C-alpha atoms as a PDB file:
ATOM      1  CA  UNK A   1       0.000   0.000   0.000  1.00  0.00           C
ATOM      2  CA  UNK A   2       1.311   3.428  -0.999  1.00  0.00           C
ATOM      3  CA  UNK A   3       1.828   5.882   1.865  1.00  0.00           C
ATOM      4  CA  UNK A   4      -0.993   8.368   1.955  1.00  0.00           C
ATOM      5  CA  UNK A   5       0.446  11.843   1.324  1.00  0.00           C
ATOM      6  CA  UNK A   6      -2.642  13.604   2.737  1.00  0.00           C
ATOM      7  CA  UNK A   7      -2.460  11.692   6.024  1.00  0.00           C
ATOM      8  CA  UNK A   8       1.330  12.178   6.167  1.00  0.00           C
ATOM      9  CA  UNK A   9       0.903  15.944   5.794  1.00  0.00           C
ATOM     10  CA  UNK A  10      -1.819  15.964   8.470  1.00  0.00           C
ATOM     11  CA  UNK A  11       0.656  14.137  10.741  1.00  0.00           C
ATOM     12  CA  UNK A  12       3.307  16.781  10.033  1.00  0.00           C
ATOM     13  CA  UNK A  13       0.783  19.524  10.835  1.00  0.00           C
ATOM     14  CA  UNK A  14      -0.033  17.779  14.125  1.00  0.00           C
ATOM     15  CA  UNK A  15       3.648  17.537  15.073  1.00  0.00           C
ATOM     16  CA  UNK A  16       3.945  21.272  14.349  1.00  0.00           C
ATOM     17  CA  UNK A  17       0.998  21.955  16.646  1.00  0.00           C
ATOM     18  CA  UNK A  18      -1.145  23.144  13.741  1.00  0.00           C
ATOM     19  CA  UNK A  19      -4.138  20.803  14.018  1.00  0.00           C
ATOM     20  CA  UNK A  20      -7.415  21.319  15.867  1.00  0.00           C
ATOM     21  CA  UNK A  21      -9.244  17.995  16.102  1.00  0.00           C
ATOM     22  CA  UNK A  22     -12.621  16.840  17.269  1.00  0.00           C
ATOM     23  CA  UNK A  23     -15.899  18.525  16.507  1.00  0.00           C
ATOM     24  CA  UNK A  24     -15.666  21.327  19.090  1.00  0.00           C
ATOM     25  CA  UNK A  25     -12.042  22.343  18.378  1.00  0.00           C
ATOM     26  CA  UNK A  26     -12.591  22.131  14.618  1.00  0.00           C
ATOM     27  CA  UNK A  27     -15.654  24.376  14.888  1.00  0.00           C
ATOM     28  CA  UNK A  28     -13.718  26.877  17.064  1.00  0.00           C
ATOM     29  CA  UNK A  29     -10.849  26.985  14.534  1.00  0.00           C
ATOM     30  CA  UNK A  30     -13.250  27.682  11.646  1.00  0.00           C
ATOM     31  CA  UNK A  31     -15.256  30.347  13.495  1.00  0.00           C
ATOM     32  CA  UNK A  32     -12.123  32.112  14.752  1.00  0.00           C
ATOM     33  CA  UNK A  33     -10.688  32.215  11.227  1.00  0.00           C
ATOM     34  CA  UNK A  34      -7.675  30.061  12.157  1.00  0.00           C
ATOM     35  CA  UNK A  35      -8.626  27.025  10.026  1.00  0.00           C
ATOM     36  CA  UNK A  36      -6.960  26.932   6.631  1.00  0.00           C
ATOM     37  CA  UNK A  37      -8.623  23.635   5.756  1.00  0.00           C
ATOM     38  CA  UNK A  38     -11.119  21.233   7.319  1.00  0.00           C
ATOM     39  CA  UNK A  39     -11.137  17.463   6.803  1.00  0.00           C
ATOM     40  CA  UNK A  40     -14.230  15.467   7.758  1.00  0.00           C
ATOM     41  CA  UNK A  41     -14.148  11.667   7.784  1.00  0.00           C
ATOM     42  CA  UNK A  42     -16.115   9.763   5.139  1.00  0.00           C
ATOM     43  CA  UNK A  43     -17.509   7.790   8.097  1.00  0.00           C
ATOM     44  CA  UNK A  44     -18.863  10.884   9.881  1.00  0.00           C
ATOM     45  CA  UNK A  45     -22.646  11.138  10.119  1.00  0.00           C
ATOM     46  CA  UNK A  46     -24.477  12.954   7.316  1.00  0.00           C
ATOM     47  CA  UNK A  47     -25.484  15.527   9.922  1.00  0.00           C
ATOM     48  CA  UNK A  48     -21.833  16.211  10.825  1.00  0.00           C
ATOM     49  CA  UNK A  49     -20.800  16.450   7.157  1.00  0.00           C
ATOM     50  CA  UNK A  50     -23.658  18.874   6.443  1.00  0.00           C
ATOM     51  CA  UNK A  51     -22.837  20.971   9.521  1.00  0.00           C
ATOM     52  CA  UNK A  52     -19.199  21.397   8.484  1.00  0.00           C
ATOM     53  CA  UNK A  53     -20.029  21.945   4.792  1.00  0.00           C
ATOM     54  CA  UNK A  54     -22.440  24.749   5.726  1.00  0.00           C
ATOM     55  CA  UNK A  55     -20.116  26.278   8.318  1.00  0.00           C
ATOM     56  CA  UNK A  56     -17.066  26.166   6.061  1.00  0.00           C
ATOM     57  CA  UNK A  57     -19.081  27.574   3.170  1.00  0.00           C
ATOM     58  CA  UNK A  58     -20.181  30.488   5.383  1.00  0.00           C
ATOM     59  CA  UNK A  59     -16.658  31.157   6.684  1.00  0.00           C
ATOM     60  CA  UNK A  60     -15.079  30.509   3.261  1.00  0.00           C
ATOM     61  CA  UNK A  61     -12.908  27.660   4.530  1.00  0.00           C
ATOM     62  CA  UNK A  62     -12.114  24.719   2.210  1.00  0.00           C
ATOM     63  CA  UNK A  63     -13.685  21.489   3.470  1.00  0.00           C
ATOM     64  CA  UNK A  64     -12.981  17.954   2.252  1.00  0.00           C
ATOM     65  CA  UNK A  65     -14.614  14.640   3.053  1.00  0.00           C
ATOM     66  CA  UNK A  66     -11.704  12.230   3.261  1.00  0.00           C
ATOM     67  CA  UNK A  67     -10.570   9.024   4.932  1.00  0.00           C
ATOM     68  CA  UNK A  68     -11.942   6.901   7.710  1.00  0.00           C
ATOM     69  CA  UNK A  69     -12.190   7.948  11.353  1.00  0.00           C
ATOM     70  CA  UNK A  70      -9.390   5.559  12.296  1.00  0.00           C
ATOM     71  CA  UNK A  71      -7.138   6.838   9.478  1.00  0.00           C
ATOM     72  CA  UNK A  72      -7.604  10.468  10.522  1.00  0.00           C
ATOM     73  CA  UNK A  73      -7.098   9.577  14.169  1.00  0.00           C
ATOM     74  CA  UNK A  74      -3.949   7.583  13.449  1.00  0.00           C
ATOM     75  CA  UNK A  75      -2.512  10.483  11.430  1.00  0.00           C
ATOM     76  CA  UNK A  76      -2.675  12.705  14.525  1.00  0.00           C
ATOM     77  CA  UNK A  77      -1.934  10.055  17.140  1.00  0.00           C
ATOM     78  CA  UNK A  78      -5.493   9.555  18.407  1.00  0.00           C
ATOM     79  CA  UNK A  79      -7.823   6.569  18.379  1.00  0.00           C
ATOM     80  CA  UNK A  80     -10.254   8.050  15.857  1.00  0.00           C
ATOM     81  CA  UNK A  81     -11.389  11.455  14.668  1.00  0.00           C
ATOM     82  CA  UNK A  82     -14.410  12.478  12.588  1.00  0.00           C
ATOM     83  CA  UNK A  83     -13.163  16.008  11.916  1.00  0.00           C
ATOM     84  CA  UNK A  84     -10.049  18.142  12.105  1.00  0.00           C
ATOM     85  CA  UNK A  85      -8.844  21.555  11.011  1.00  0.00           C
ATOM     86  CA  UNK A  86      -5.339  22.440   9.839  1.00  0.00           C
ATOM     87  CA  UNK A  87      -4.376  25.894  11.126  1.00  0.00           C
ATOM     88  CA  UNK A  88      -1.206  26.469   9.099  1.00  0.00           C
ATOM     89  CA  UNK A  89      -1.660  28.206   5.745  1.00  0.00           C
ATOM     90  CA  UNK A  90       1.231  26.505   3.939  1.00  0.00           C
ATOM     91  CA  UNK A  91       0.370  23.007   5.168  1.00  0.00           C
ATOM     92  CA  UNK A  92      -3.304  23.622   4.354  1.00  0.00           C
ATOM     93  CA  UNK A  93      -2.381  24.466   0.750  1.00  0.00           C
ATOM     94  CA  UNK A  94      -0.174  21.366   0.439  1.00  0.00           C
ATOM     95  CA  UNK A  95      -2.889  19.101   1.818  1.00  0.00           C
ATOM     96  CA  UNK A  96      -5.514  20.682  -0.438  1.00  0.00           C
ATOM     97  CA  UNK A  97      -3.291  20.177  -3.493  1.00  0.00           C
ATOM     98  CA  UNK A  98      -2.931  16.476  -2.616  1.00  0.00           C
ATOM     99  CA  UNK A  99      -6.685  16.130  -2.009  1.00  0.00           C
ATOM    100  CA  UNK A 100      -7.453  17.677  -5.402  1.00  0.00           C
ATOM    101  CA  UNK A 101      -5.042  15.251  -7.115  1.00  0.00           C
ATOM    102  CA  UNK A 102      -6.715  12.298  -5.390  1.00  0.00           C
ATOM    103  CA  UNK A 103     -10.123  13.583  -6.480  1.00  0.00           C
ATOM    104  CA  UNK A 104      -9.041  13.367 -10.107  1.00  0.00           C
ATOM    105  CA  UNK A 105      -7.731   9.816  -9.721  1.00  0.00           C
ATOM    106  CA  UNK A 106     -11.042   8.393  -8.549  1.00  0.00           C
END
């Protein structure tokens, strides 16, 4: 299995202290304008996905539905996570670029 560049970059962001994870922290990061990018797990409830899509649309923050809860959690050293925000502009752009490439592959 090829190493997942998106999850690797999320891990780097976490090590740099640039990740807000969990529903509450992700929401705070978006509303405070700190989130450069939001990632919501494919396994999150439809309600959660809709909530973050609407919120990110309102605050003009890119949002992507990507990966399983365990994958996202493992990337940041947690058991599982349904949502996270990357608060570093450069890392957010790199992750978004990788997400857009993956979107074209599928």
